[in-house]
Amino acid sequence: MAEVNSAEAQRFDLVSDRKGVIWDLLLYVPTVVALASIAASFWYGDDHNMGYLFFFLTCFFFIVGFNRIFKTRLMLLPSAPVCITLSEQSLGLVQRNGTQVSLVKNLRYYADYAGKTFGVSGLDGAGKQLQFVFHKGQFATDAEYGAVQAILKHRSQI
């Protein structure tokens, strides 16, 4: 486990969140099926405009669910972070494809009220705005999750 006030960089390896995948599947699969059913009923009921609207919503929720499950929960997409490195000057991320990203400026920490997810955003060295979401189940232990949050909360207050 990492200390909050340590001067050296601290590294946290992430793991797949299998429990979170189940919850996301229980959320997104019925939603996408229901929206697709409504879209089909409007389409075959001769209200094509509403059919298009619900087909768009179906595609939108499918893409959001796919990204959430395969990028943030299972970390299978190439741009999914697999490791977090926290130092005094930056927050470093190693992505699945091997790319190393450092958020060096305008680092923001966003916690949710339930305490099971947090987000970070900031500018990388090239000035590109990036944002990432992390779930409690992605950390090996609850202590690591708490340590990362404590460090980020401390840094956002400075």
C-alpha atoms as a PDB file:
ATOM      1  CA  MET A   1       0.000   0.000   0.000  1.00  0.00           C
ATOM      2  CA  ALA A   2       1.124   3.560  -0.675  1.00  0.00           C
ATOM      3  CA  GLU A   3       1.581   6.411   1.772  1.00  0.00           C
ATOM      4  CA  VAL A   4      -0.229   9.686   1.130  1.00  0.00           C
ATOM      5  CA  ASN A   5       2.671  12.057   1.741  1.00  0.00           C
ATOM      6  CA  SER A   6       5.441  10.133   0.028  1.00  0.00           C
ATOM      7  CA  ALA A   7       7.768  12.166  -2.222  1.00  0.00           C
ATOM      8  CA  GLU A   8       8.441   9.383  -4.743  1.00  0.00           C
ATOM      9  CA  ALA A   9       6.038   8.168  -7.413  1.00  0.00           C
ATOM     10  CA  GLN A  10       3.534   5.556  -6.318  1.00  0.00           C
ATOM     11  CA  ARG A  11       2.335   2.874  -8.706  1.00  0.00           C
ATOM     12  CA  PHE A  12      -1.034   1.126  -8.585  1.00  0.00           C
ATOM     13  CA  ASP A  13      -1.752  -1.754 -10.961  1.00  0.00           C
ATOM     14  CA  LEU A  14      -5.391  -2.167 -11.985  1.00  0.00           C
ATOM     15  CA  VAL A  15      -7.325  -5.429 -12.340  1.00  0.00           C
ATOM     16  CA  SER A  16     -10.536  -6.347 -14.163  1.00  0.00           C
ATOM     17  CA  ASP A  17     -13.729  -5.576 -12.248  1.00  0.00           C
ATOM     18  CA  ARG A  18     -15.780  -8.757 -12.801  1.00  0.00           C
ATOM     19  CA  LYS A  19     -18.512  -7.871 -10.273  1.00  0.00           C
ATOM     20  CA  GLY A  20     -18.999  -4.503 -11.929  1.00  0.00           C
ATOM     21  CA  VAL A  21     -19.404  -6.196 -15.317  1.00  0.00           C
ATOM     22  CA  ILE A  22     -22.393  -8.141 -13.981  1.00  0.00           C
ATOM     23  CA  TRP A  23     -24.049  -4.963 -12.704  1.00  0.00           C
ATOM     24  CA  ASP A  24     -23.415  -3.125 -15.964  1.00  0.00           C
ATOM     25  CA  LEU A  25     -24.809  -6.027 -17.990  1.00  0.00           C
ATOM     26  CA  LEU A  26     -27.918  -6.043 -15.791  1.00  0.00           C
ATOM     27  CA  LEU A  27     -28.293  -2.329 -16.484  1.00  0.00           C
ATOM     28  CA  TYR A  28     -27.458  -2.001 -20.170  1.00  0.00           C
ATOM     29  CA  VAL A  29     -28.798  -5.219 -21.755  1.00  0.00           C
ATOM     30  CA  PRO A  30     -32.445  -4.691 -20.703  1.00  0.00           C
ATOM     31  CA  THR A  31     -32.209  -0.995 -21.571  1.00  0.00           C
ATOM     32  CA  VAL A  32     -30.893  -1.659 -25.081  1.00  0.00           C
ATOM     33  CA  VAL A  33     -33.423  -4.454 -25.686  1.00  0.00           C
ATOM     34  CA  ALA A  34     -36.313  -2.267 -24.508  1.00  0.00           C
ATOM     35  CA  LEU A  35     -35.218   0.682 -26.650  1.00  0.00           C
ATOM     36  CA  ALA A  36     -34.769  -1.592 -29.692  1.00  0.00           C
ATOM     37  CA  SER A  37     -38.251  -3.049 -29.139  1.00  0.00           C
ATOM     38  CA  ILE A  38     -39.786   0.419 -28.898  1.00  0.00           C
ATOM     39  CA  ALA A  39     -37.906   1.502 -32.042  1.00  0.00           C
ATOM     40  CA  ALA A  40     -39.186  -1.535 -33.949  1.00  0.00           C
ATOM     41  CA  SER A  41     -42.768  -0.970 -32.796  1.00  0.00           C
ATOM     42  CA  PHE A  42     -42.661   2.659 -33.956  1.00  0.00           C
ATOM     43  CA  TRP A  43     -40.964   1.722 -37.238  1.00  0.00           C
ATOM     44  CA  TYR A  44     -43.500  -0.964 -38.115  1.00  0.00           C
ATOM     45  CA  GLY A  45     -46.335   1.191 -36.741  1.00  0.00           C
ATOM     46  CA  ASP A  46     -45.618   3.740 -39.508  1.00  0.00           C
ATOM     47  CA  ASP A  47     -44.145   6.404 -37.218  1.00  0.00           C
ATOM     48  CA  HIS A  48     -40.691   6.394 -38.766  1.00  0.00           C
ATOM     49  CA  ASN A  49     -39.525   9.594 -37.064  1.00  0.00           C
ATOM     50  CA  MET A  50     -40.040   8.094 -33.602  1.00  0.00           C
ATOM     51  CA  GLY A  51     -38.492   4.852 -34.879  1.00  0.00           C
ATOM     52  CA  TYR A  52     -35.373   6.766 -35.899  1.00  0.00           C
ATOM     53  CA  LEU A  53     -35.267   8.535 -32.530  1.00  0.00           C
ATOM     54  CA  PHE A  54     -35.485   5.294 -30.548  1.00  0.00           C
ATOM     55  CA  PHE A  55     -33.034   3.553 -32.874  1.00  0.00           C
ATOM     56  CA  PHE A  56     -30.577   6.407 -32.176  1.00  0.00           C
ATOM     57  CA  LEU A  57     -31.132   5.980 -28.425  1.00  0.00           C
ATOM     58  CA  THR A  58     -30.610   2.222 -28.801  1.00  0.00           C
ATOM     59  CA  CYS A  59     -27.285   2.760 -30.564  1.00  0.00           C
ATOM     60  CA  PHE A  60     -26.225   5.422 -28.056  1.00  0.00           C
ATOM     61  CA  PHE A  61     -26.880   3.218 -25.014  1.00  0.00           C
ATOM     62  CA  PHE A  62     -25.223   0.240 -26.721  1.00  0.00           C
ATOM     63  CA  ILE A  63     -22.054   2.262 -27.399  1.00  0.00           C
ATOM     64  CA  VAL A  64     -21.986   3.717 -23.875  1.00  0.00           C
ATOM     65  CA  GLY A  65     -22.500   0.288 -22.299  1.00  0.00           C
ATOM     66  CA  PHE A  66     -19.919  -1.355 -24.563  1.00  0.00           C
ATOM     67  CA  ASN A  67     -17.338   1.309 -23.714  1.00  0.00           C
ATOM     68  CA  ARG A  68     -18.053   1.131 -19.981  1.00  0.00           C
ATOM     69  CA  ILE A  69     -17.795  -2.667 -19.871  1.00  0.00           C
ATOM     70  CA  PHE A  70     -14.874  -3.222 -22.234  1.00  0.00           C
ATOM     71  CA  LYS A  71     -12.796  -0.131 -21.403  1.00  0.00           C
ATOM     72  CA  THR A  72     -13.327   0.692 -17.747  1.00  0.00           C
ATOM     73  CA  ARG A  73     -14.469  -2.627 -16.243  1.00  0.00           C
ATOM     74  CA  LEU A  74     -12.593  -5.312 -18.232  1.00  0.00           C
ATOM     75  CA  MET A  75      -9.830  -3.012 -19.545  1.00  0.00           C
ATOM     76  CA  LEU A  76      -9.749  -4.784 -22.933  1.00  0.00           C
ATOM     77  CA  LEU A  77      -9.710  -1.784 -25.289  1.00  0.00           C
ATOM     78  CA  PRO A  78      -6.284  -0.397 -26.293  1.00  0.00           C
ATOM     79  CA  SER A  79      -6.869   2.977 -24.597  1.00  0.00           C
ATOM     80  CA  ALA A  80      -7.891   1.433 -21.260  1.00  0.00           C
ATOM     81  CA  PRO A  81      -5.587   2.389 -18.367  1.00  0.00           C
ATOM     82  CA  VAL A  82      -3.974  -0.620 -16.658  1.00  0.00           C
ATOM     83  CA  CYS A  83      -1.694   1.220 -14.232  1.00  0.00           C
ATOM     84  CA  ILE A  84      -1.744   4.531 -12.334  1.00  0.00           C
ATOM     85  CA  THR A  85       1.429   6.290 -11.239  1.00  0.00           C
ATOM     86  CA  LEU A  86       1.046   9.247  -8.884  1.00  0.00           C
ATOM     87  CA  SER A  87       3.847  11.737  -8.338  1.00  0.00           C
ATOM     88  CA  GLU A  88       4.026  15.295  -7.012  1.00  0.00           C
ATOM     89  CA  GLN A  89       3.971  16.862 -10.488  1.00  0.00           C
ATOM     90  CA  SER A  90       1.711  14.555 -12.508  1.00  0.00           C
ATOM     91  CA  LEU A  91      -0.586  11.597 -12.711  1.00  0.00           C
ATOM     92  CA  GLY A  92       0.760   8.943 -15.065  1.00  0.00           C
ATOM     93  CA  LEU A  93      -1.259   6.237 -16.752  1.00  0.00           C
ATOM     94  CA  VAL A  94      -0.123   3.213 -18.704  1.00  0.00           C
ATOM     95  CA  GLN A  95      -2.669   2.115 -21.267  1.00  0.00           C
ATOM     96  CA  ARG A  96      -3.250  -1.435 -22.476  1.00  0.00           C
ATOM     97  CA  ASN A  97      -1.532  -0.658 -25.813  1.00  0.00           C
ATOM     98  CA  GLY A  98       1.626   0.388 -23.920  1.00  0.00           C
ATOM     99  CA  THR A  99       1.159   4.121 -24.367  1.00  0.00           C
ATOM    100  CA  GLN A 100       2.152   6.157 -21.336  1.00  0.00           C
ATOM    101  CA  VAL A 101       0.053   9.239 -20.635  1.00  0.00           C
ATOM    102  CA  SER A 102       0.867  11.912 -18.063  1.00  0.00           C
ATOM    103  CA  LEU A 103      -1.698  14.424 -16.902  1.00  0.00           C
ATOM    104  CA  VAL A 104       0.519  17.355 -16.008  1.00  0.00           C
ATOM    105  CA  LYS A 105      -1.775  20.388 -15.878  1.00  0.00           C
ATOM    106  CA  ASN A 106      -5.318  21.238 -14.717  1.00  0.00           C
ATOM    107  CA  LEU A 107      -5.631  17.915 -12.920  1.00  0.00           C
ATOM    108  CA  ARG A 108      -9.162  17.515 -11.579  1.00  0.00           C
ATOM    109  CA  TYR A 109     -10.527  14.808  -9.316  1.00  0.00           C
ATOM    110  CA  TYR A 110     -14.228  13.887  -9.406  1.00  0.00           C
ATOM    111  CA  ALA A 111     -15.635  11.573  -6.733  1.00  0.00           C
ATOM    112  CA  ASP A 112     -19.122  10.104  -6.812  1.00  0.00           C
ATOM    113  CA  TYR A 113     -21.388  10.207  -3.794  1.00  0.00           C
ATOM    114  CA  ALA A 114     -21.566   6.421  -3.404  1.00  0.00           C
ATOM    115  CA  GLY A 115     -17.767   6.142  -3.163  1.00  0.00           C
ATOM    116  CA  LYS A 116     -17.459   3.356  -5.749  1.00  0.00           C
ATOM    117  CA  THR A 117     -16.164   5.371  -8.704  1.00  0.00           C
ATOM    118  CA  PHE A 118     -14.013   8.410  -9.342  1.00  0.00           C
ATOM    119  CA  GLY A 119     -12.857  10.294 -12.380  1.00  0.00           C
ATOM    120  CA  VAL A 120      -9.784  12.305 -13.237  1.00  0.00           C
ATOM    121  CA  SER A 121      -9.226  14.775 -16.014  1.00  0.00           C
ATOM    122  CA  GLY A 122      -6.359  16.973 -17.053  1.00  0.00           C
ATOM    123  CA  LEU A 123      -4.060  18.104 -19.813  1.00  0.00           C
ATOM    124  CA  ASP A 124      -1.268  15.904 -21.081  1.00  0.00           C
ATOM    125  CA  GLY A 125       2.120  17.257 -22.175  1.00  0.00           C
ATOM    126  CA  ALA A 126       0.777  18.109 -25.652  1.00  0.00           C
ATOM    127  CA  GLY A 127      -2.118  20.135 -24.218  1.00  0.00           C
ATOM    128  CA  LYS A 128      -4.794  17.547 -25.017  1.00  0.00           C
ATOM    129  CA  GLN A 129      -7.651  17.289 -22.505  1.00  0.00           C
ATOM    130  CA  LEU A 130      -8.071  13.681 -21.292  1.00  0.00           C
ATOM    131  CA  GLN A 131     -10.438  12.081 -18.814  1.00  0.00           C
ATOM    132  CA  PHE A 132     -10.563   8.662 -17.180  1.00  0.00           C
ATOM    133  CA  VAL A 133     -13.000   6.815 -14.925  1.00  0.00           C
ATOM    134  CA  PHE A 134     -11.907   4.292 -12.288  1.00  0.00           C
ATOM    135  CA  HIS A 135     -14.043   1.865 -10.302  1.00  0.00           C
ATOM    136  CA  LYS A 136     -13.425   0.469  -6.830  1.00  0.00           C
ATOM    137  CA  GLY A 137     -13.305  -3.085  -8.206  1.00  0.00           C
ATOM    138  CA  GLN A 138     -10.364  -2.209 -10.454  1.00  0.00           C
ATOM    139  CA  PHE A 139      -8.028  -1.936  -7.475  1.00  0.00           C
ATOM    140  CA  ALA A 140      -6.533  -5.039  -5.875  1.00  0.00           C
ATOM    141  CA  THR A 141      -7.587  -3.960  -2.371  1.00  0.00           C
ATOM    142  CA  ASP A 142      -9.887  -1.417  -0.780  1.00  0.00           C
ATOM    143  CA  ALA A 143      -6.803   0.096   0.854  1.00  0.00           C
ATOM    144  CA  GLU A 144      -5.255   0.871  -2.558  1.00  0.00           C
ATOM    145  CA  TYR A 145      -8.506   2.441  -3.718  1.00  0.00           C
ATOM    146  CA  GLY A 146      -8.624   4.582  -0.596  1.00  0.00           C
ATOM    147  CA  ALA A 147      -4.969   5.568  -0.932  1.00  0.00           C
ATOM    148  CA  VAL A 148      -5.404   6.737  -4.530  1.00  0.00           C
ATOM    149  CA  GLN A 149      -8.478   8.741  -3.561  1.00  0.00           C
ATOM    150  CA  ALA A 150      -6.701  10.293  -0.575  1.00  0.00           C
ATOM    151  CA  ILE A 151      -3.747  11.342  -2.734  1.00  0.00           C
ATOM    152  CA  LEU A 152      -5.985  12.823  -5.413  1.00  0.00           C
ATOM    153  CA  LYS A 153      -8.154  14.641  -2.844  1.00  0.00           C
ATOM    154  CA  HIS A 154      -5.024  16.067  -1.236  1.00  0.00           C
ATOM    155  CA  ARG A 155      -3.648  17.229  -4.601  1.00  0.00           C
ATOM    156  CA  SER A 156      -6.942  18.828  -5.661  1.00  0.00           C
ATOM    157  CA  GLN A 157      -6.974  20.955  -2.487  1.00  0.00           C
ATOM    158  CA  ILE A 158      -3.541  22.448  -3.180  1.00  0.00           C
END
